[in-house]
Protein backbone atom coordinates (compact mmCIF):
# COMPACT_ATOMS: atom_id res chain seq x y z
CA MET A 1 112.55 -105.22 116.69
CA THR A 2 110.03 -103.98 114.19
CA ARG A 3 109.53 -100.93 116.37
CA LEU A 4 113.18 -100.05 116.05
CA LEU A 5 113.02 -100.29 112.28
CA ARG A 6 110.07 -97.92 112.08
CA TRP A 7 111.74 -94.99 113.82
CA PRO A 8 114.25 -94.20 111.10
CA TRP A 9 111.46 -94.12 108.57
CA VAL A 10 109.40 -91.82 110.76
CA VAL A 11 112.39 -89.52 111.24
CA LEU A 12 113.04 -89.56 107.51
CA LEU A 13 109.40 -88.72 106.76
CA VAL A 14 109.42 -85.90 109.33
CA LEU A 15 112.62 -84.49 107.83
CA LEU A 16 111.14 -84.74 104.33
CA ALA A 17 107.99 -82.94 105.51
CA LEU A 18 110.13 -80.22 107.09
CA VAL A 19 112.08 -79.74 103.84
CA VAL A 20 108.89 -79.54 101.76
CA ALA A 21 107.35 -77.07 104.22
CA GLY A 22 110.54 -74.99 104.24
CA VAL A 23 110.66 -74.86 100.44
CA ALA A 24 106.99 -73.86 100.30
CA LEU A 25 107.51 -71.11 102.89
CA GLN A 26 110.62 -69.87 101.09
CA ARG A 27 108.88 -69.82 97.66
CA THR A 28 105.83 -67.95 98.94
CA HIS A 29 108.08 -65.48 100.78
CA ALA A 30 106.09 -66.16 103.95
CA LEU A 31 109.20 -67.05 105.91
CA PRO A 32 112.86 -66.69 104.81
CA VAL A 33 113.75 -70.28 105.68
CA GLY A 34 116.91 -70.23 103.56
CA GLU A 35 118.28 -67.26 105.47
CA TYR A 36 117.60 -68.96 108.83
CA LEU A 37 119.35 -72.10 107.62
CA LEU A 38 122.38 -70.08 106.41
CA ARG A 39 122.64 -68.28 109.76
CA GLY A 40 122.47 -71.58 111.57
CA ALA A 41 125.03 -73.18 109.24
CA ALA A 42 127.39 -70.20 109.69
CA ARG A 43 127.54 -70.99 113.43
CA VAL A 44 128.71 -74.53 112.79
CA PRO A 45 132.51 -74.74 112.95
CA GLY A 46 134.03 -75.49 109.53
CA LEU A 47 130.94 -74.32 107.57
CA GLU A 48 131.64 -70.56 107.97
CA THR A 49 133.75 -70.44 104.79
CA VAL A 50 131.22 -72.51 102.85
CA VAL A 51 128.40 -70.16 103.91
CA ALA A 52 130.54 -67.09 103.09
CA THR A 53 131.30 -68.54 99.66
CA TYR A 54 127.61 -69.29 99.12
CA ARG A 55 126.62 -65.73 100.12
CA LEU A 56 129.30 -64.30 97.81
CA GLY A 57 127.93 -66.42 94.97
CA GLU A 58 124.41 -65.23 95.72
CA GLU A 59 125.56 -61.58 95.69
CA ARG A 60 127.37 -62.09 92.42
CA SER A 61 124.34 -63.82 90.95
CA ALA A 62 122.13 -60.90 92.02
CA ARG A 63 124.58 -58.37 90.54
CA LEU A 64 124.86 -60.44 87.38
CA ALA A 65 121.07 -60.60 87.07
CA ALA A 66 120.87 -56.82 87.59
CA ARG A 67 123.60 -56.28 85.03
CA GLU A 68 121.85 -58.61 82.56
CA GLY A 69 118.68 -56.56 83.06
CA GLU A 70 120.60 -53.34 82.40
CA LEU A 71 122.20 -54.88 79.31
CA ALA A 72 118.84 -56.11 78.04
CA ALA A 73 117.39 -52.61 78.50
CA ARG A 74 120.41 -51.12 76.73
CA ALA A 75 120.09 -53.68 73.92
CA ALA A 76 116.42 -52.76 73.51
CA GLU A 77 117.34 -49.07 73.47
CA LEU A 78 120.08 -49.72 70.90
CA ALA A 79 117.69 -51.77 68.75
CA SER A 80 115.19 -48.91 68.87
CA ARG A 81 117.91 -46.42 67.99
CA GLU A 82 119.13 -48.68 65.18
CA ALA A 83 115.60 -48.84 63.77
CA GLU A 84 115.39 -45.03 63.94
CA LEU A 85 118.76 -44.69 62.22
CA GLU A 86 117.77 -47.19 59.55
CA SER A 87 114.60 -45.23 58.92
CA GLU A 88 116.58 -41.99 58.75
CA ARG A 89 119.14 -43.62 56.42
CA ALA A 90 116.36 -44.77 54.10
CA ARG A 91 114.86 -41.26 54.14
CA LEU A 92 118.26 -39.71 53.41
CA GLU A 93 118.91 -42.16 50.56
CA ALA A 94 115.54 -41.27 49.05
CA GLU A 95 116.33 -37.56 49.46
CA ALA A 96 119.78 -38.08 47.90
CA ALA A 97 118.21 -39.89 44.94
CA ARG A 98 115.69 -37.06 44.55
CA LEU A 99 118.50 -34.47 44.70
CA ASP A 100 120.57 -36.46 42.18
CA ALA A 101 117.61 -36.55 39.81
CA ARG A 102 117.11 -32.82 40.32
CA ALA A 103 120.83 -32.17 39.71
CA ASN A 104 120.71 -34.25 36.53
CA ASP A 105 117.63 -32.31 35.40
CA LEU A 106 119.39 -29.00 36.14
CA ASP A 107 122.51 -30.18 34.27
CA ARG A 108 120.35 -31.13 31.29
CA ARG A 109 118.60 -27.74 31.40
CA GLU A 110 121.92 -25.94 31.73
CA ALA A 111 123.26 -27.76 28.67
CA ALA A 112 120.07 -26.88 26.74
CA LEU A 113 120.39 -23.23 27.79
CA LYS A 114 124.04 -23.20 26.73
CA ASP A 115 123.02 -24.61 23.33
CA GLN A 116 120.29 -21.98 23.04
CA ALA A 117 122.72 -19.24 24.07
CA ALA A 118 125.18 -20.45 21.43
CA GLN A 119 122.41 -20.48 18.82
CA VAL A 120 121.27 -17.01 19.85
CA GLY A 121 124.86 -15.81 19.78
CA THR A 122 125.30 -17.26 16.30
CA ALA A 123 122.01 -15.72 15.16
CA VAL A 124 122.99 -12.33 16.60
CA THR A 125 126.36 -12.53 14.89
CA GLN A 126 124.73 -13.50 11.61
CA THR A 127 122.11 -10.78 11.98
CA THR A 128 124.78 -8.21 12.75
CA ARG A 129 126.84 -9.31 9.76
CA ALA A 130 123.75 -9.35 7.55
CA ALA A 131 122.80 -5.87 8.76
CA LYS A 132 126.29 -4.62 7.94
CA LEU A 133 126.15 -6.36 4.55
CA TYR A 134 122.69 -4.89 3.86
CA ALA A 135 124.01 -1.45 4.85
CA ILE A 136 126.87 -1.93 2.40
CA PHE A 137 124.35 -2.93 -0.32
CA GLY A 138 122.42 0.24 0.46
CA GLU A 139 125.51 2.37 -0.05
CA MET A 140 126.48 0.72 -3.36
CA ARG A 141 125.41 1.85 -6.76
CA PRO A 142 122.26 0.00 -7.87
CA LYS A 143 124.04 -1.70 -10.77
CA ASP A 144 126.78 -3.18 -8.53
CA ALA A 145 124.25 -4.10 -5.81
CA ALA A 146 122.06 -5.85 -8.45
CA ARG A 147 125.01 -7.89 -9.68
CA LEU A 148 125.89 -9.03 -6.11
CA ALA A 149 122.22 -9.68 -5.21
CA GLY A 150 121.99 -11.96 -8.25
CA GLU A 151 124.76 -14.12 -6.78
CA LEU A 152 123.05 -14.44 -3.36
CA PRO A 153 120.46 -17.12 -2.59
CA PRO A 154 116.99 -15.72 -3.45
CA GLU A 155 115.81 -15.74 0.20
CA GLU A 156 118.86 -13.78 1.32
CA ALA A 157 118.50 -11.31 -1.54
CA ALA A 158 114.81 -10.80 -0.60
CA ARG A 159 115.75 -10.14 3.05
CA MET A 160 118.38 -7.67 1.94
CA LEU A 161 115.92 -5.79 -0.27
CA LEU A 162 113.43 -5.57 2.63
CA THR A 163 115.97 -3.74 4.79
CA LEU A 164 116.61 -1.08 2.18
CA PRO A 165 114.48 1.96 1.57
CA GLU A 166 111.89 1.33 -1.17
CA ARG A 167 113.60 3.65 -3.64
CA ASP A 168 116.96 1.87 -3.30
CA ALA A 169 115.31 -1.59 -3.50
CA ALA A 170 113.42 -0.58 -6.65
CA ALA A 171 116.63 0.72 -8.25
CA ILE A 172 118.42 -2.56 -7.50
CA LEU A 173 115.51 -4.65 -8.89
CA ALA A 174 115.53 -2.55 -12.05
CA GLU A 175 119.20 -3.35 -12.64
CA MET A 176 118.77 -7.13 -12.07
CA ASP A 177 118.06 -9.87 -14.60
CA PRO A 178 114.31 -9.73 -15.31
CA GLN A 179 113.68 -13.36 -14.29
CA ALA A 180 115.60 -12.97 -11.00
CA ALA A 181 113.84 -9.65 -10.36
CA ALA A 182 110.42 -11.31 -10.96
CA GLN A 183 111.26 -14.15 -8.61
CA LEU A 184 112.44 -11.71 -5.92
CA SER A 185 109.32 -9.59 -6.41
CA GLN A 186 107.10 -12.65 -5.88
CA MET A 187 109.05 -13.52 -2.76
CA LEU A 188 108.75 -9.97 -1.45
CA ALA A 189 105.00 -10.02 -2.10
CA GLY A 190 104.72 -13.26 -0.10
CA LEU A 191 106.67 -11.87 2.84
């Protein structure tokens, strides 16, 4: 009776050894044991649909793995592209800030030039008016010109006398109050 009890254990150990050997052969790709088993199982009545379902699942798993690989490659490509775009965005922001600073500088310079143009325009207008006024003084009689020159600020009267011919300036100084004429003469000597 003990002999009969040993046989199931021997069969079980042999089956276990066959399974281990099959797994080892399958893993090392030495022998496609799984494929042989599936072919054999497909011949068994009632297991055809189970084997077909298993094969379909394997195909889908392979396609899914391939698709996951494609998606991982695409994700890596997109991450690389995103890094490039981020770098380009940072460069463009720096360039925009530089251009804004340059535009602000140009606006400031334009405003300064407009102020200078206004000052030059004012100076030209004043110079033109002064030239006309000085021409009028030159055409006046010395006595009338001396009276008007006495009412002008001394610096303006000195400028006016400098624009006139020496003879006319001397005639106007002679007609002026002696103190005002002395002060204008000192100013003219300093100019």
